[in-house]
């Protein structure tokens, strides 16, 4: 473990998943819905969604407008509704959710990041999933120089031991979400400032 991750963990020792879920399917749905919105916002919507649609079987037969109206506050509701219903139909057809990165990405609306997050949380399989927060942190710190989430994931995974992957994902995500924000990052109170490329270039 390098000093970057050590200092990040010192700031966020309890970093972890903030999405609420009760089943594997509800978690996959929550991760899909979290695109370009906050986990807190998703947690307000998913109980309403799953009160009406208990599982993938219910959701596979859902009316588009009914689902759309429930998830509309999250944004991108048109595409997310199409993806959710198509996802549910495919999981019903497959008789379950795939348990590997490659097959997960074949599902409607599931990209590399979502697949990684799912495998980490549900199967405890080590990956460093890269969302906008992790991407921003990794680039600002100078750990990577890329805008490609899959490339960043591989670069970060080459830097850390497998047993550190999930911790690194959650900790850098928290750092990006609560400290290294896209606007007005709180550099002065960040333990990583002395190591940070962004801080050195802007101060």
N, C-alpha and C. Protein backbone atom coordinates (compact mmCIF):
# COMPACT_ATOMS: atom_id res chain seq x y z
N UNK A 1 0.85 -1.20 0.00
CA UNK A 1 0.00 0.00 0.00
C UNK A 1 0.88 1.25 0.00
N UNK A 2 0.63 2.18 -0.92
CA UNK A 2 1.46 3.38 -1.01
C UNK A 2 0.92 4.48 -0.09
N UNK A 3 1.67 5.58 -0.02
CA UNK A 3 1.30 6.68 0.87
C UNK A 3 -0.01 7.36 0.46
N UNK A 4 -0.31 7.33 -0.84
CA UNK A 4 -1.56 7.93 -1.32
C UNK A 4 -2.75 7.23 -0.67
N UNK A 5 -2.77 5.92 -0.79
CA UNK A 5 -3.90 5.17 -0.25
C UNK A 5 -3.90 5.20 1.27
N UNK A 6 -2.72 5.14 1.90
CA UNK A 6 -2.64 5.19 3.36
C UNK A 6 -3.26 6.47 3.91
N UNK A 7 -2.91 7.60 3.28
CA UNK A 7 -3.42 8.88 3.75
C UNK A 7 -4.92 9.03 3.47
N UNK A 8 -5.36 8.48 2.33
CA UNK A 8 -6.79 8.52 2.01
C UNK A 8 -7.59 7.69 3.01
N UNK A 9 -7.05 6.53 3.39
CA UNK A 9 -7.72 5.68 4.38
C UNK A 9 -7.73 6.36 5.74
N UNK A 10 -6.69 7.10 6.05
CA UNK A 10 -6.64 7.83 7.32
C UNK A 10 -7.80 8.83 7.40
N UNK A 11 -8.13 9.42 6.26
CA UNK A 11 -9.25 10.37 6.23
C UNK A 11 -10.60 9.67 6.21
N UNK A 12 -10.66 8.53 5.50
CA UNK A 12 -11.94 7.82 5.34
C UNK A 12 -11.76 6.33 5.68
N UNK A 13 -11.55 6.04 6.96
CA UNK A 13 -11.29 4.64 7.36
C UNK A 13 -12.48 3.71 7.17
N UNK A 14 -13.67 4.28 7.13
CA UNK A 14 -14.88 3.45 7.03
C UNK A 14 -15.57 3.56 5.68
N UNK A 15 -14.81 3.96 4.66
CA UNK A 15 -15.40 4.10 3.33
C UNK A 15 -15.97 2.77 2.86
N UNK A 16 -17.16 2.83 2.27
CA UNK A 16 -17.81 1.61 1.80
C UNK A 16 -19.00 1.95 0.93
N UNK A 17 -19.76 0.94 0.58
CA UNK A 17 -20.93 1.13 -0.28
C UNK A 17 -22.00 1.91 0.45
N UNK A 18 -22.54 2.94 -0.20
CA UNK A 18 -23.59 3.76 0.40
C UNK A 18 -24.96 3.53 -0.24
N UNK A 19 -25.02 2.62 -1.19
CA UNK A 19 -26.30 2.29 -1.81
C UNK A 19 -27.03 1.27 -0.94
N UNK A 20 -28.32 1.47 -0.73
CA UNK A 20 -29.14 0.52 0.02
C UNK A 20 -29.72 -0.53 -0.93
N UNK A 21 -29.73 -1.78 -0.50
CA UNK A 21 -30.29 -2.83 -1.34
C UNK A 21 -30.64 -4.03 -0.48
N UNK A 22 -31.50 -4.90 -1.00
CA UNK A 22 -31.91 -6.09 -0.27
C UNK A 22 -31.61 -7.38 -1.02
N UNK A 23 -31.48 -7.29 -2.34
CA UNK A 23 -31.19 -8.47 -3.17
C UNK A 23 -30.10 -8.11 -4.18
N UNK A 24 -29.53 -9.12 -4.81
CA UNK A 24 -28.53 -8.88 -5.85
C UNK A 24 -29.11 -8.04 -6.99
N UNK A 25 -30.35 -8.34 -7.35
CA UNK A 25 -30.98 -7.59 -8.43
C UNK A 25 -31.21 -6.13 -8.04
N UNK A 26 -31.67 -5.91 -6.81
CA UNK A 26 -31.92 -4.53 -6.38
C UNK A 26 -30.62 -3.73 -6.31
N UNK A 27 -29.50 -4.41 -6.00
CA UNK A 27 -28.21 -3.71 -6.00
C UNK A 27 -27.79 -3.34 -7.42
N UNK A 28 -27.94 -4.29 -8.34
CA UNK A 28 -27.57 -4.02 -9.74
C UNK A 28 -28.39 -2.85 -10.28
N UNK A 29 -29.67 -2.82 -9.96
CA UNK A 29 -30.54 -1.72 -10.37
C UNK A 29 -30.08 -0.40 -9.74
N UNK A 30 -29.76 -0.44 -8.47
CA UNK A 30 -29.32 0.78 -7.78
C UNK A 30 -28.04 1.35 -8.41
N UNK A 31 -27.10 0.47 -8.73
CA UNK A 31 -25.85 0.94 -9.36
C UNK A 31 -26.14 1.54 -10.72
N UNK A 32 -27.01 0.91 -11.50
CA UNK A 32 -27.37 1.45 -12.81
C UNK A 32 -28.03 2.82 -12.66
N UNK A 33 -28.92 2.95 -11.70
CA UNK A 33 -29.63 4.22 -11.50
C UNK A 33 -28.72 5.33 -10.99
N UNK A 34 -27.58 4.97 -10.39
CA UNK A 34 -26.70 5.96 -9.77
C UNK A 34 -25.90 6.78 -10.78
N UNK A 35 -25.97 6.42 -12.06
CA UNK A 35 -25.24 7.18 -13.08
C UNK A 35 -25.68 8.64 -13.09
N UNK A 36 -24.72 9.53 -12.94
CA UNK A 36 -24.92 10.98 -12.99
C UNK A 36 -25.92 11.49 -11.96
N UNK A 37 -25.97 10.81 -10.83
CA UNK A 37 -26.74 11.32 -9.69
C UNK A 37 -26.06 10.81 -8.42
N UNK A 38 -26.61 11.10 -7.26
CA UNK A 38 -25.97 10.71 -6.01
C UNK A 38 -26.58 9.44 -5.43
N UNK A 39 -25.77 8.71 -4.66
CA UNK A 39 -26.28 7.51 -3.99
C UNK A 39 -27.43 7.86 -3.06
N UNK A 40 -27.32 9.00 -2.40
CA UNK A 40 -28.37 9.45 -1.48
C UNK A 40 -29.69 9.60 -2.22
N UNK A 41 -29.64 10.17 -3.41
CA UNK A 41 -30.84 10.37 -4.21
C UNK A 41 -31.42 9.02 -4.66
N UNK A 42 -30.53 8.12 -5.08
CA UNK A 42 -30.97 6.78 -5.50
C UNK A 42 -31.66 6.06 -4.34
N UNK A 43 -31.10 6.20 -3.14
CA UNK A 43 -31.68 5.54 -1.96
C UNK A 43 -33.08 6.05 -1.62
N UNK A 44 -33.42 7.23 -2.11
CA UNK A 44 -34.77 7.76 -1.89
C UNK A 44 -35.77 7.18 -2.89
N UNK A 45 -35.26 6.75 -4.05
CA UNK A 45 -36.13 6.30 -5.13
C UNK A 45 -36.32 4.78 -5.15
N UNK A 46 -35.25 4.03 -4.86
CA UNK A 46 -35.35 2.56 -4.99
C UNK A 46 -36.40 1.93 -4.08
N UNK A 47 -36.64 2.41 -2.86
CA UNK A 47 -37.72 1.81 -2.07
C UNK A 47 -39.08 1.94 -2.73
N UNK A 48 -39.30 3.07 -3.40
CA UNK A 48 -40.57 3.29 -4.12
C UNK A 48 -40.67 2.33 -5.30
N UNK A 49 -39.54 2.22 -6.04
CA UNK A 49 -39.51 1.34 -7.20
C UNK A 49 -39.78 -0.11 -6.82
N UNK A 50 -39.11 -0.58 -5.75
CA UNK A 50 -39.23 -1.99 -5.38
C UNK A 50 -40.45 -2.30 -4.50
N UNK A 51 -41.12 -1.26 -4.06
CA UNK A 51 -42.42 -1.48 -3.42
C UNK A 51 -43.44 -1.90 -4.49
N UNK A 52 -43.30 -1.30 -5.68
CA UNK A 52 -44.21 -1.60 -6.78
C UNK A 52 -43.76 -2.84 -7.57
N UNK A 53 -42.44 -2.95 -7.76
CA UNK A 53 -41.89 -4.08 -8.53
C UNK A 53 -40.92 -4.85 -7.62
N UNK A 54 -41.36 -5.99 -7.13
CA UNK A 54 -40.61 -6.72 -6.10
C UNK A 54 -39.31 -7.31 -6.60
N UNK A 55 -39.27 -7.68 -7.89
CA UNK A 55 -38.10 -8.38 -8.41
C UNK A 55 -38.02 -8.21 -9.92
N UNK A 56 -37.08 -8.93 -10.55
CA UNK A 56 -36.89 -8.82 -12.00
C UNK A 56 -38.12 -9.30 -12.78
N UNK A 57 -38.87 -10.23 -12.22
CA UNK A 57 -40.07 -10.73 -12.91
C UNK A 57 -41.12 -9.62 -13.01
N UNK A 58 -41.34 -8.93 -11.90
CA UNK A 58 -42.29 -7.81 -11.91
C UNK A 58 -41.84 -6.70 -12.85
N UNK A 59 -40.55 -6.36 -12.76
CA UNK A 59 -40.03 -5.24 -13.54
C UNK A 59 -40.00 -5.58 -15.03
N UNK A 60 -39.83 -6.83 -15.37
CA UNK A 60 -39.80 -7.23 -16.78
C UNK A 60 -41.15 -7.01 -17.46
N UNK A 61 -42.21 -6.97 -16.67
CA UNK A 61 -43.56 -6.76 -17.20
C UNK A 61 -44.09 -5.36 -16.91
N UNK A 62 -43.21 -4.48 -16.49
CA UNK A 62 -43.63 -3.13 -16.07
C UNK A 62 -44.05 -2.26 -17.24
N UNK A 63 -44.92 -1.34 -16.96
CA UNK A 63 -45.32 -0.32 -17.92
C UNK A 63 -44.25 0.78 -17.94
N UNK A 64 -43.83 1.15 -19.14
CA UNK A 64 -42.76 2.14 -19.30
C UNK A 64 -43.06 3.42 -18.52
N UNK A 65 -44.25 3.98 -18.69
CA UNK A 65 -44.58 5.26 -18.07
C UNK A 65 -44.60 5.18 -16.55
N UNK A 66 -45.02 4.03 -16.03
CA UNK A 66 -45.05 3.86 -14.57
C UNK A 66 -43.64 3.90 -13.99
N UNK A 67 -42.72 3.18 -14.64
CA UNK A 67 -41.33 3.18 -14.17
C UNK A 67 -40.71 4.56 -14.37
N UNK A 68 -40.96 5.15 -15.52
CA UNK A 68 -40.43 6.47 -15.84
C UNK A 68 -40.80 7.50 -14.77
N UNK A 69 -42.06 7.49 -14.37
CA UNK A 69 -42.52 8.47 -13.39
C UNK A 69 -41.89 8.27 -12.01
N UNK A 70 -41.54 7.04 -11.68
CA UNK A 70 -40.89 6.78 -10.40
C UNK A 70 -39.45 7.27 -10.39
N UNK A 71 -38.72 6.98 -11.47
CA UNK A 71 -37.27 7.30 -11.48
C UNK A 71 -36.96 8.66 -12.11
N UNK A 72 -37.98 9.36 -12.56
CA UNK A 72 -37.78 10.66 -13.21
C UNK A 72 -36.92 11.63 -12.40
N UNK A 73 -37.07 11.70 -11.07
CA UNK A 73 -36.25 12.66 -10.31
C UNK A 73 -34.74 12.41 -10.40
N UNK A 74 -34.33 11.22 -10.83
CA UNK A 74 -32.90 10.90 -10.89
C UNK A 74 -32.22 11.43 -12.14
N UNK A 75 -33.01 11.85 -13.13
CA UNK A 75 -32.43 12.29 -14.38
C UNK A 75 -32.18 11.13 -15.33
N UNK A 76 -32.03 11.44 -16.61
CA UNK A 76 -31.80 10.44 -17.66
C UNK A 76 -32.88 9.35 -17.61
N UNK A 77 -34.08 9.73 -17.23
CA UNK A 77 -35.14 8.76 -16.93
C UNK A 77 -35.56 7.96 -18.16
N UNK A 78 -35.54 8.56 -19.33
CA UNK A 78 -35.96 7.85 -20.52
C UNK A 78 -35.05 6.65 -20.80
N UNK A 79 -33.75 6.92 -20.86
CA UNK A 79 -32.79 5.85 -21.12
C UNK A 79 -32.73 4.84 -19.98
N UNK A 80 -32.80 5.33 -18.75
CA UNK A 80 -32.73 4.42 -17.60
C UNK A 80 -33.95 3.51 -17.54
N UNK A 81 -35.11 4.04 -17.90
CA UNK A 81 -36.32 3.21 -17.89
C UNK A 81 -36.21 2.11 -18.94
N UNK A 82 -35.79 2.48 -20.15
CA UNK A 82 -35.61 1.48 -21.21
C UNK A 82 -34.63 0.40 -20.76
N UNK A 83 -33.52 0.83 -20.19
CA UNK A 83 -32.48 -0.11 -19.77
C UNK A 83 -32.97 -1.01 -18.63
N UNK A 84 -33.68 -0.44 -17.67
CA UNK A 84 -34.16 -1.22 -16.52
C UNK A 84 -35.10 -2.35 -16.96
N UNK A 85 -36.07 -2.01 -17.80
CA UNK A 85 -37.04 -3.02 -18.23
C UNK A 85 -36.35 -4.07 -19.10
N UNK A 86 -35.44 -3.62 -19.99
CA UNK A 86 -34.70 -4.57 -20.83
C UNK A 86 -33.79 -5.45 -19.99
N UNK A 87 -33.18 -4.86 -18.97
CA UNK A 87 -32.31 -5.61 -18.06
C UNK A 87 -33.10 -6.70 -17.34
N UNK A 88 -34.25 -6.33 -16.83
CA UNK A 88 -35.09 -7.30 -16.11
C UNK A 88 -35.51 -8.45 -17.04
N UNK A 89 -35.90 -8.12 -18.26
CA UNK A 89 -36.31 -9.14 -19.22
C UNK A 89 -35.16 -10.11 -19.52
N UNK A 90 -33.95 -9.56 -19.67
CA UNK A 90 -32.80 -10.41 -20.00
C UNK A 90 -32.41 -11.30 -18.82
N UNK A 91 -32.49 -10.78 -17.62
CA UNK A 91 -32.16 -11.59 -16.43
C UNK A 91 -33.18 -12.70 -16.24
N UNK A 92 -34.44 -12.41 -16.52
CA UNK A 92 -35.47 -13.45 -16.48
C UNK A 92 -35.17 -14.52 -17.54
N UNK A 93 -34.80 -14.07 -18.74
CA UNK A 93 -34.48 -15.01 -19.83
C UNK A 93 -33.30 -15.90 -19.47
N UNK A 94 -32.30 -15.30 -18.81
CA UNK A 94 -31.09 -16.04 -18.43
C UNK A 94 -31.29 -16.86 -17.17
N UNK A 95 -32.42 -16.63 -16.50
CA UNK A 95 -32.71 -17.31 -15.23
C UNK A 95 -31.69 -16.94 -14.14
N UNK A 96 -31.28 -15.67 -14.14
CA UNK A 96 -30.37 -15.20 -13.10
C UNK A 96 -29.35 -14.20 -13.62
N UNK A 97 -28.69 -13.53 -12.69
CA UNK A 97 -27.68 -12.54 -13.04
C UNK A 97 -26.33 -13.23 -13.25
N UNK A 98 -25.64 -12.94 -14.35
CA UNK A 98 -24.31 -13.52 -14.56
C UNK A 98 -23.37 -13.16 -13.42
N UNK A 99 -22.36 -14.02 -13.20
CA UNK A 99 -21.44 -13.78 -12.09
C UNK A 99 -20.01 -13.55 -12.56
N UNK A 100 -19.88 -12.90 -13.74
CA UNK A 100 -18.55 -12.52 -14.21
C UNK A 100 -18.64 -11.22 -15.00
N UNK A 101 -17.54 -10.49 -15.04
CA UNK A 101 -17.48 -9.17 -15.65
C UNK A 101 -17.92 -9.20 -17.12
N UNK A 102 -17.42 -10.16 -17.86
CA UNK A 102 -17.68 -10.22 -19.29
C UNK A 102 -19.17 -10.39 -19.59
N UNK A 103 -19.82 -11.34 -18.93
CA UNK A 103 -21.24 -11.58 -19.20
C UNK A 103 -22.13 -10.48 -18.65
N UNK A 104 -21.73 -9.88 -17.54
CA UNK A 104 -22.49 -8.76 -16.99
C UNK A 104 -22.57 -7.61 -17.99
N UNK A 105 -21.47 -7.36 -18.69
CA UNK A 105 -21.43 -6.25 -19.64
C UNK A 105 -22.30 -6.49 -20.87
N UNK A 106 -22.75 -7.72 -21.05
CA UNK A 106 -23.65 -8.02 -22.17
C UNK A 106 -25.11 -7.66 -21.83
N UNK A 107 -25.36 -7.39 -20.55
CA UNK A 107 -26.71 -7.03 -20.12
C UNK A 107 -27.03 -5.60 -20.53
N UNK A 108 -28.29 -5.30 -20.84
CA UNK A 108 -28.68 -3.93 -21.20
C UNK A 108 -28.34 -2.93 -20.09
N UNK A 109 -27.65 -1.85 -20.47
CA UNK A 109 -27.37 -0.78 -19.52
C UNK A 109 -26.22 -1.02 -18.56
N UNK A 110 -25.53 -2.16 -18.69
CA UNK A 110 -24.44 -2.48 -17.76
C UNK A 110 -23.09 -2.31 -18.45
N UNK A 111 -22.31 -1.34 -17.98
CA UNK A 111 -20.97 -1.12 -18.51
C UNK A 111 -19.91 -1.72 -17.60
N UNK A 112 -18.66 -1.46 -17.93
CA UNK A 112 -17.54 -2.04 -17.19
C UNK A 112 -17.55 -1.63 -15.72
N UNK A 113 -17.79 -0.34 -15.47
CA UNK A 113 -17.78 0.15 -14.09
C UNK A 113 -18.86 -0.51 -13.25
N UNK A 114 -20.08 -0.55 -13.78
CA UNK A 114 -21.19 -1.15 -13.04
C UNK A 114 -20.93 -2.63 -12.78
N UNK A 115 -20.38 -3.31 -13.78
CA UNK A 115 -20.06 -4.73 -13.62
C UNK A 115 -19.02 -4.94 -12.52
N UNK A 116 -18.01 -4.08 -12.48
CA UNK A 116 -16.97 -4.17 -11.45
C UNK A 116 -17.55 -3.92 -10.06
N UNK A 117 -18.37 -2.88 -9.95
CA UNK A 117 -18.98 -2.55 -8.66
C UNK A 117 -19.83 -3.72 -8.16
N UNK A 118 -20.60 -4.30 -9.07
CA UNK A 118 -21.46 -5.44 -8.71
C UNK A 118 -20.63 -6.63 -8.23
N UNK A 119 -19.58 -6.97 -8.96
CA UNK A 119 -18.76 -8.13 -8.59
C UNK A 119 -18.03 -7.89 -7.27
N UNK A 120 -17.60 -6.66 -7.03
CA UNK A 120 -16.93 -6.33 -5.76
C UNK A 120 -17.89 -6.50 -4.59
N UNK A 121 -19.07 -5.90 -4.71
CA UNK A 121 -20.00 -5.84 -3.59
C UNK A 121 -20.71 -7.18 -3.35
N UNK A 122 -21.14 -7.83 -4.41
CA UNK A 122 -21.95 -9.04 -4.28
C UNK A 122 -21.10 -10.30 -4.16
N UNK A 123 -20.00 -10.34 -4.89
CA UNK A 123 -19.18 -11.56 -4.90
C UNK A 123 -17.80 -11.36 -4.26
N UNK A 124 -17.56 -10.15 -3.75
CA UNK A 124 -16.29 -9.84 -3.10
C UNK A 124 -15.10 -10.13 -4.02
N UNK A 125 -15.33 -9.96 -5.31
CA UNK A 125 -14.26 -10.18 -6.30
C UNK A 125 -13.47 -8.89 -6.44
N UNK A 126 -12.14 -8.94 -6.33
CA UNK A 126 -11.34 -7.71 -6.30
C UNK A 126 -11.25 -6.99 -7.64
N UNK A 127 -11.73 -5.76 -7.64
CA UNK A 127 -11.61 -4.86 -8.79
C UNK A 127 -11.50 -3.45 -8.24
N UNK A 128 -10.91 -2.56 -9.02
CA UNK A 128 -10.98 -1.14 -8.69
C UNK A 128 -11.91 -0.50 -9.71
N UNK A 129 -13.17 -0.37 -9.35
CA UNK A 129 -14.15 0.24 -10.24
C UNK A 129 -13.89 1.74 -10.31
N UNK A 130 -14.02 2.29 -11.50
CA UNK A 130 -13.70 3.71 -11.72
C UNK A 130 -14.94 4.47 -12.18
N UNK A 131 -15.46 5.32 -11.27
CA UNK A 131 -16.54 6.23 -11.65
C UNK A 131 -15.93 7.63 -11.80
N UNK A 132 -16.77 8.65 -11.91
CA UNK A 132 -16.24 10.01 -12.11
C UNK A 132 -15.40 10.48 -10.94
N UNK A 133 -15.77 10.04 -9.71
CA UNK A 133 -15.00 10.46 -8.53
C UNK A 133 -13.61 9.85 -8.52
N UNK A 134 -13.53 8.55 -8.73
CA UNK A 134 -12.24 7.87 -8.74
C UNK A 134 -11.38 8.37 -9.90
N UNK A 135 -12.00 8.62 -11.03
CA UNK A 135 -11.27 9.14 -12.19
C UNK A 135 -10.64 10.50 -11.87
N UNK A 136 -11.43 11.37 -11.25
CA UNK A 136 -10.95 12.71 -10.91
C UNK A 136 -9.81 12.64 -9.90
N UNK A 137 -9.96 11.84 -8.87
CA UNK A 137 -8.94 11.71 -7.83
C UNK A 137 -7.64 11.15 -8.41
N UNK A 138 -7.76 10.08 -9.19
CA UNK A 138 -6.57 9.42 -9.73
C UNK A 138 -5.79 10.36 -10.65
N UNK A 139 -6.49 11.15 -11.45
CA UNK A 139 -5.82 12.09 -12.35
C UNK A 139 -5.24 13.27 -11.59
N UNK A 140 -5.98 13.80 -10.63
CA UNK A 140 -5.48 14.95 -9.88
C UNK A 140 -4.26 14.59 -9.04
N UNK A 141 -4.28 13.41 -8.45
CA UNK A 141 -3.14 12.98 -7.65
C UNK A 141 -1.92 12.73 -8.51
N UNK A 142 -2.13 12.45 -9.80
CA UNK A 142 -1.02 12.13 -10.69
C UNK A 142 -0.76 10.63 -10.77
N UNK A 143 -1.72 9.83 -10.29
CA UNK A 143 -1.56 8.37 -10.34
C UNK A 143 -1.77 7.86 -11.76
N UNK A 144 -2.59 8.57 -12.54
CA UNK A 144 -2.85 8.22 -13.93
C UNK A 144 -2.97 9.49 -14.75
N UNK A 145 -2.95 9.33 -16.06
CA UNK A 145 -3.22 10.44 -16.98
C UNK A 145 -4.10 9.89 -18.09
N UNK A 146 -5.38 9.74 -17.77
CA UNK A 146 -6.31 9.11 -18.71
C UNK A 146 -7.73 9.50 -18.36
N UNK A 147 -8.58 9.51 -19.39
CA UNK A 147 -10.02 9.76 -19.19
C UNK A 147 -10.82 8.49 -19.49
N UNK A 148 -10.13 7.38 -19.66
CA UNK A 148 -10.79 6.11 -19.96
C UNK A 148 -10.92 5.29 -18.68
N UNK A 149 -12.15 5.07 -18.19
CA UNK A 149 -12.33 4.37 -16.92
C UNK A 149 -11.70 2.98 -16.88
N UNK A 150 -11.79 2.24 -17.98
CA UNK A 150 -11.23 0.90 -17.99
C UNK A 150 -9.70 0.94 -17.94
N UNK A 151 -9.11 1.90 -18.63
CA UNK A 151 -7.64 2.07 -18.59
C UNK A 151 -7.21 2.46 -17.18
N UNK A 152 -7.93 3.40 -16.57
CA UNK A 152 -7.60 3.83 -15.22
C UNK A 152 -7.71 2.67 -14.24
N UNK A 153 -8.76 1.88 -14.41
CA UNK A 153 -8.96 0.71 -13.55
C UNK A 153 -7.75 -0.21 -13.61
N UNK A 154 -7.28 -0.50 -14.82
CA UNK A 154 -6.14 -1.41 -14.99
C UNK A 154 -4.85 -0.81 -14.42
N UNK A 155 -4.67 0.50 -14.62
CA UNK A 155 -3.48 1.16 -14.10
C UNK A 155 -3.45 1.15 -12.57
N UNK A 156 -4.59 1.43 -11.96
CA UNK A 156 -4.66 1.41 -10.50
C UNK A 156 -4.49 0.00 -9.96
N UNK A 157 -5.05 -0.97 -10.65
CA UNK A 157 -4.92 -2.36 -10.21
C UNK A 157 -3.48 -2.85 -10.32
N UNK A 158 -2.72 -2.29 -11.26
CA UNK A 158 -1.31 -2.66 -11.38
C UNK A 158 -0.48 -2.03 -10.27
N UNK A 159 -1.04 -1.01 -9.62
CA UNK A 159 -0.33 -0.28 -8.57
C UNK A 159 -0.50 -0.92 -7.19
N UNK A 160 -1.65 -1.59 -6.99
CA UNK A 160 -1.97 -2.13 -5.67
C UNK A 160 -2.09 -3.65 -5.68
N UNK A 161 -2.04 -4.22 -4.49
CA UNK A 161 -2.24 -5.65 -4.34
C UNK A 161 -3.73 -5.95 -4.46
N UNK A 162 -4.04 -7.17 -4.87
CA UNK A 162 -5.44 -7.54 -5.08
C UNK A 162 -6.29 -7.34 -3.82
N UNK A 163 -5.69 -7.65 -2.66
CA UNK A 163 -6.45 -7.52 -1.42
C UNK A 163 -6.71 -6.06 -1.05
N UNK A 164 -6.08 -5.12 -1.78
CA UNK A 164 -6.29 -3.69 -1.54
C UNK A 164 -7.27 -3.06 -2.53
N UNK A 165 -7.67 -3.81 -3.56
CA UNK A 165 -8.47 -3.24 -4.64
C UNK A 165 -9.79 -2.62 -4.16
N UNK A 166 -10.58 -3.40 -3.44
CA UNK A 166 -11.90 -2.93 -3.04
C UNK A 166 -11.78 -1.74 -2.08
N UNK A 167 -10.81 -1.81 -1.17
CA UNK A 167 -10.57 -0.71 -0.24
C UNK A 167 -10.17 0.55 -1.00
N UNK A 168 -9.31 0.38 -2.01
CA UNK A 168 -8.86 1.52 -2.82
C UNK A 168 -10.04 2.14 -3.56
N UNK A 169 -10.89 1.31 -4.13
CA UNK A 169 -12.07 1.82 -4.85
C UNK A 169 -12.94 2.67 -3.93
N UNK A 170 -13.32 2.11 -2.78
CA UNK A 170 -14.22 2.83 -1.87
C UNK A 170 -13.56 4.09 -1.31
N UNK A 171 -12.28 3.99 -0.96
CA UNK A 171 -11.60 5.13 -0.32
C UNK A 171 -11.39 6.28 -1.29
N UNK A 172 -10.95 6.00 -2.50
CA UNK A 172 -10.77 7.06 -3.49
C UNK A 172 -12.12 7.63 -3.93
N UNK A 173 -13.15 6.80 -3.94
CA UNK A 173 -14.50 7.29 -4.24
C UNK A 173 -14.95 8.29 -3.18
N UNK A 174 -14.76 7.94 -1.92
CA UNK A 174 -15.12 8.86 -0.83
C UNK A 174 -14.31 10.14 -0.91
N UNK A 175 -13.04 10.01 -1.22
CA UNK A 175 -12.18 11.19 -1.33
C UNK A 175 -12.71 12.13 -2.41
N UNK A 176 -13.11 11.57 -3.54
CA UNK A 176 -13.65 12.38 -4.63
C UNK A 176 -15.02 12.95 -4.32
N UNK A 177 -15.81 12.19 -3.60
CA UNK A 177 -17.18 12.60 -3.29
C UNK A 177 -17.23 13.70 -2.24
N UNK A 178 -16.35 13.61 -1.25
CA UNK A 178 -16.47 14.49 -0.08
C UNK A 178 -15.32 15.50 0.10
N UNK A 179 -14.20 15.29 -0.57
CA UNK A 179 -13.06 16.19 -0.39
C UNK A 179 -12.57 16.75 -1.73
N UNK A 180 -12.22 15.86 -2.64
CA UNK A 180 -11.66 16.26 -3.94
C UNK A 180 -12.80 16.44 -4.94
N UNK A 181 -13.69 17.37 -4.63
CA UNK A 181 -14.87 17.60 -5.44
C UNK A 181 -14.52 18.28 -6.77
N UNK A 182 -15.40 18.15 -7.75
CA UNK A 182 -15.09 18.71 -9.07
C UNK A 182 -14.94 20.22 -9.02
N UNK A 183 -15.77 20.87 -8.20
CA UNK A 183 -15.65 22.31 -8.01
C UNK A 183 -15.26 22.60 -6.56
N UNK A 184 -14.37 23.53 -6.38
CA UNK A 184 -13.92 23.95 -5.05
C UNK A 184 -13.46 22.79 -4.16
N UNK A 185 -12.47 22.02 -4.64
CA UNK A 185 -11.96 20.92 -3.80
C UNK A 185 -11.35 21.46 -2.51
N UNK A 186 -11.50 20.71 -1.43
CA UNK A 186 -11.06 21.15 -0.11
C UNK A 186 -9.60 20.75 0.14
N UNK A 187 -8.71 21.31 -0.67
CA UNK A 187 -7.29 20.91 -0.65
C UNK A 187 -6.62 21.20 0.68
N UNK A 188 -6.98 22.32 1.32
CA UNK A 188 -6.28 22.73 2.54
C UNK A 188 -6.49 21.75 3.68
N UNK A 189 -7.59 21.02 3.67
CA UNK A 189 -7.84 20.06 4.75
C UNK A 189 -7.60 18.62 4.30
N UNK A 190 -6.96 18.45 3.15
CA UNK A 190 -6.71 17.11 2.61
C UNK A 190 -5.31 16.64 2.98
N UNK A 191 -5.20 15.47 3.52
CA UNK A 191 -3.91 14.91 3.94
C UNK A 191 -3.03 14.56 2.75
N UNK A 192 -3.60 14.56 1.56
CA UNK A 192 -2.84 14.20 0.37
C UNK A 192 -2.25 15.39 -0.38
N UNK A 193 -2.49 16.59 0.12
CA UNK A 193 -2.06 17.80 -0.59
C UNK A 193 -0.56 17.79 -0.92
N UNK A 194 0.26 17.34 0.02
CA UNK A 194 1.71 17.36 -0.19
C UNK A 194 2.15 16.40 -1.29
N UNK A 195 1.31 15.44 -1.63
CA UNK A 195 1.63 14.47 -2.67
C UNK A 195 0.91 14.75 -3.99
N UNK A 196 -0.01 15.70 -3.97
CA UNK A 196 -0.98 15.87 -5.05
C UNK A 196 -0.46 16.76 -6.19
N UNK A 197 -0.49 16.23 -7.39
CA UNK A 197 -0.07 16.97 -8.58
C UNK A 197 -0.96 18.20 -8.80
N UNK A 198 -2.26 18.03 -8.66
CA UNK A 198 -3.21 19.13 -8.86
C UNK A 198 -2.94 20.27 -7.88
N UNK A 199 -2.72 19.92 -6.60
CA UNK A 199 -2.48 20.95 -5.59
C UNK A 199 -1.18 21.70 -5.87
N UNK A 200 -0.15 20.99 -6.26
CA UNK A 200 1.14 21.61 -6.55
C UNK A 200 1.06 22.56 -7.76
N UNK A 201 0.25 22.15 -8.75
CA UNK A 201 0.13 22.97 -9.96
C UNK A 201 -0.74 24.21 -9.75
N UNK A 202 -1.61 24.17 -8.74
CA UNK A 202 -2.57 25.26 -8.55
C UNK A 202 -2.29 26.10 -7.30
N UNK A 203 -1.19 25.83 -6.63
CA UNK A 203 -0.84 26.61 -5.44
C UNK A 203 0.64 26.98 -5.47
